[in-house]
Amino acid sequence: MANPKELLEAAEAIRDVRRLPAVQRHQQIEDLLQQAEEWARKEYTKVSEKKNDHNDAGANGRNS
């Protein structure tokens, strides 16, 4: 399973690269980087939600 912190760091790094003037001059590169950033953020959300669900299930199991 992917590390949520690493996914978030990847999304932020991609965003920083997208801000570079050279990238902004090349729409195709910008589009691909935008897709990569969106994917990383979606994966971060999925992994974070799974982690929270797992933590909630563990907490509920202990209280039963």
N, C-alpha and C. Protein backbone atom coordinates (compact mmCIF):
# COMPACT_ATOMS: atom_id res chain seq x y z
N MET A 1 0.85 -1.17 0.00
CA MET A 1 0.00 0.00 0.00
C MET A 1 0.89 1.23 0.00
N ALA A 2 0.49 2.24 -0.72
CA ALA A 2 1.27 3.48 -0.82
C ALA A 2 1.22 4.25 0.50
N ASN A 3 2.29 4.93 0.76
CA ASN A 3 2.40 5.75 1.95
C ASN A 3 1.69 7.09 1.69
N PRO A 4 0.69 7.46 2.49
CA PRO A 4 -0.04 8.70 2.25
C PRO A 4 0.87 9.93 2.23
N LYS A 5 1.84 9.96 3.12
CA LYS A 5 2.75 11.11 3.17
C LYS A 5 3.54 11.23 1.86
N GLU A 6 3.99 10.10 1.33
CA GLU A 6 4.75 10.12 0.08
C GLU A 6 3.87 10.55 -1.09
N LEU A 7 2.62 10.12 -1.10
CA LEU A 7 1.71 10.53 -2.17
C LEU A 7 1.46 12.03 -2.13
N LEU A 8 1.28 12.56 -0.94
CA LEU A 8 1.06 14.00 -0.80
C LEU A 8 2.32 14.76 -1.22
N GLU A 9 3.48 14.29 -0.82
CA GLU A 9 4.73 14.93 -1.22
C GLU A 9 4.91 14.89 -2.74
N ALA A 10 4.52 13.78 -3.36
CA ALA A 10 4.62 13.66 -4.82
C ALA A 10 3.70 14.67 -5.50
N ALA A 11 2.48 14.79 -5.01
CA ALA A 11 1.54 15.75 -5.60
C ALA A 11 2.08 17.17 -5.47
N GLU A 12 2.65 17.50 -4.33
CA GLU A 12 3.20 18.84 -4.13
C GLU A 12 4.42 19.09 -5.01
N ALA A 13 5.25 18.07 -5.18
CA ALA A 13 6.43 18.21 -6.04
C ALA A 13 6.01 18.40 -7.50
N ILE A 14 5.01 17.64 -7.92
CA ILE A 14 4.51 17.79 -9.29
C ILE A 14 3.95 19.19 -9.49
N ARG A 15 3.21 19.68 -8.51
CA ARG A 15 2.67 21.04 -8.60
C ARG A 15 3.79 22.06 -8.75
N ASP A 16 4.87 21.88 -7.98
CA ASP A 16 6.00 22.80 -8.07
C ASP A 16 6.64 22.77 -9.46
N VAL A 17 6.77 21.58 -10.04
CA VAL A 17 7.33 21.46 -11.38
C VAL A 17 6.41 22.13 -12.39
N ARG A 18 5.11 21.96 -12.22
CA ARG A 18 4.15 22.57 -13.15
C ARG A 18 4.26 24.08 -13.17
N ARG A 19 4.72 24.67 -12.08
CA ARG A 19 4.84 26.13 -11.99
C ARG A 19 6.08 26.68 -12.71
N LEU A 20 6.99 25.81 -13.10
CA LEU A 20 8.19 26.27 -13.79
C LEU A 20 7.83 26.89 -15.14
N PRO A 21 8.45 28.03 -15.48
CA PRO A 21 8.13 28.69 -16.76
C PRO A 21 8.31 27.78 -17.97
N ALA A 22 9.35 26.96 -17.98
CA ALA A 22 9.58 26.07 -19.13
C ALA A 22 8.42 25.11 -19.31
N VAL A 23 7.87 24.62 -18.23
CA VAL A 23 6.74 23.68 -18.31
C VAL A 23 5.50 24.41 -18.79
N GLN A 24 5.30 25.61 -18.29
CA GLN A 24 4.11 26.37 -18.67
C GLN A 24 4.10 26.72 -20.16
N ARG A 25 5.26 26.75 -20.79
CA ARG A 25 5.34 27.04 -22.23
C ARG A 25 4.97 25.82 -23.07
N HIS A 26 4.92 24.65 -22.47
CA HIS A 26 4.65 23.42 -23.21
C HIS A 26 3.37 22.79 -22.65
N GLN A 27 2.27 23.03 -23.33
CA GLN A 27 0.95 22.61 -22.86
C GLN A 27 0.86 21.10 -22.67
N GLN A 28 1.48 20.32 -23.54
CA GLN A 28 1.40 18.86 -23.44
C GLN A 28 2.04 18.38 -22.14
N ILE A 29 3.18 18.95 -21.80
CA ILE A 29 3.84 18.58 -20.54
C ILE A 29 2.98 19.01 -19.36
N GLU A 30 2.44 20.20 -19.43
CA GLU A 30 1.57 20.71 -18.36
C GLU A 30 0.38 19.79 -18.16
N ASP A 31 -0.23 19.37 -19.25
CA ASP A 31 -1.40 18.48 -19.15
C ASP A 31 -1.05 17.16 -18.48
N LEU A 32 0.07 16.57 -18.88
CA LEU A 32 0.48 15.29 -18.29
C LEU A 32 0.81 15.45 -16.81
N LEU A 33 1.48 16.53 -16.46
CA LEU A 33 1.81 16.75 -15.06
C LEU A 33 0.56 17.02 -14.23
N GLN A 34 -0.41 17.70 -14.80
CA GLN A 34 -1.66 17.94 -14.10
C GLN A 34 -2.37 16.62 -13.83
N GLN A 35 -2.39 15.74 -14.81
CA GLN A 35 -3.00 14.43 -14.62
C GLN A 35 -2.28 13.63 -13.54
N ALA A 36 -0.95 13.72 -13.54
CA ALA A 36 -0.17 13.00 -12.53
C ALA A 36 -0.44 13.55 -11.14
N GLU A 37 -0.53 14.87 -11.02
CA GLU A 37 -0.82 15.48 -9.72
C GLU A 37 -2.20 15.06 -9.23
N GLU A 38 -3.18 15.10 -10.11
CA GLU A 38 -4.54 14.70 -9.73
C GLU A 38 -4.58 13.24 -9.30
N TRP A 39 -3.86 12.37 -10.02
CA TRP A 39 -3.81 10.96 -9.65
C TRP A 39 -3.21 10.80 -8.25
N ALA A 40 -2.10 11.48 -8.00
CA ALA A 40 -1.44 11.36 -6.69
C ALA A 40 -2.36 11.83 -5.57
N ARG A 41 -3.08 12.91 -5.80
CA ARG A 41 -3.99 13.42 -4.77
C ARG A 41 -5.16 12.45 -4.55
N LYS A 42 -5.69 11.87 -5.62
CA LYS A 42 -6.77 10.89 -5.47
C LYS A 42 -6.29 9.66 -4.71
N GLU A 43 -5.10 9.19 -5.05
CA GLU A 43 -4.54 8.03 -4.35
C GLU A 43 -4.31 8.36 -2.88
N TYR A 44 -3.83 9.56 -2.60
CA TYR A 44 -3.63 10.00 -1.22
C TYR A 44 -4.96 9.94 -0.46
N THR A 45 -6.02 10.44 -1.10
CA THR A 45 -7.34 10.43 -0.46
C THR A 45 -7.80 9.00 -0.20
N LYS A 46 -7.64 8.13 -1.21
CA LYS A 46 -8.06 6.73 -1.04
C LYS A 46 -7.30 6.05 0.09
N VAL A 47 -5.98 6.21 0.08
CA VAL A 47 -5.15 5.56 1.10
C VAL A 47 -5.46 6.12 2.48
N SER A 48 -5.65 7.43 2.56
CA SER A 48 -5.98 8.04 3.84
C SER A 48 -7.31 7.54 4.38
N GLU A 49 -8.30 7.42 3.48
CA GLU A 49 -9.61 6.93 3.91
C GLU A 49 -9.53 5.48 4.36
N LYS A 50 -8.77 4.65 3.63
CA LYS A 50 -8.61 3.25 4.03
C LYS A 50 -7.92 3.16 5.38
N LYS A 51 -6.92 3.99 5.57
CA LYS A 51 -6.19 3.99 6.84
C LYS A 51 -7.13 4.40 7.98
N ASN A 52 -7.95 5.42 7.75
CA ASN A 52 -8.90 5.86 8.76
C ASN A 52 -9.95 4.79 9.04
N ASP A 53 -10.44 4.14 7.97
CA ASP A 53 -11.42 3.06 8.15
C ASP A 53 -10.81 1.92 8.97
N HIS A 54 -9.57 1.58 8.66
CA HIS A 54 -8.88 0.51 9.38
C HIS A 54 -8.70 0.90 10.84
N ASN A 55 -8.32 2.14 11.09
CA ASN A 55 -8.14 2.61 12.47
C ASN A 55 -9.46 2.63 13.23
N ASP A 56 -10.54 3.04 12.54
CA ASP A 56 -11.85 3.05 13.17
C ASP A 56 -12.31 1.64 13.50
N ALA A 57 -12.07 0.71 12.60
CA ALA A 57 -12.48 -0.68 12.82
C ALA A 57 -11.70 -1.27 14.01
N GLY A 58 -10.45 -0.93 14.09
CA GLY A 58 -9.64 -1.42 15.21
C GLY A 58 -10.10 -0.83 16.53
N ALA A 59 -10.46 0.43 16.52
CA ALA A 59 -10.93 1.08 17.75
C ALA A 59 -12.28 0.49 18.16
N ASN A 60 -13.15 0.22 17.19
CA ASN A 60 -14.45 -0.35 17.50
C ASN A 60 -14.32 -1.76 18.02
N GLY A 61 -13.36 -2.51 17.48
CA GLY A 61 -13.16 -3.88 17.93
C GLY A 61 -12.67 -3.96 19.37
N ARG A 62 -11.87 -3.00 19.77
CA ARG A 62 -11.36 -3.00 21.13
C ARG A 62 -12.42 -2.62 22.15
N ASN A 63 -13.38 -1.82 21.71
CA ASN A 63 -14.41 -1.34 22.64
C ASN A 63 -15.55 -2.33 22.80
N SER A 64 -15.61 -3.34 21.97
CA SER A 64 -16.72 -4.30 22.00
C SER A 64 -16.53 -5.32 23.08
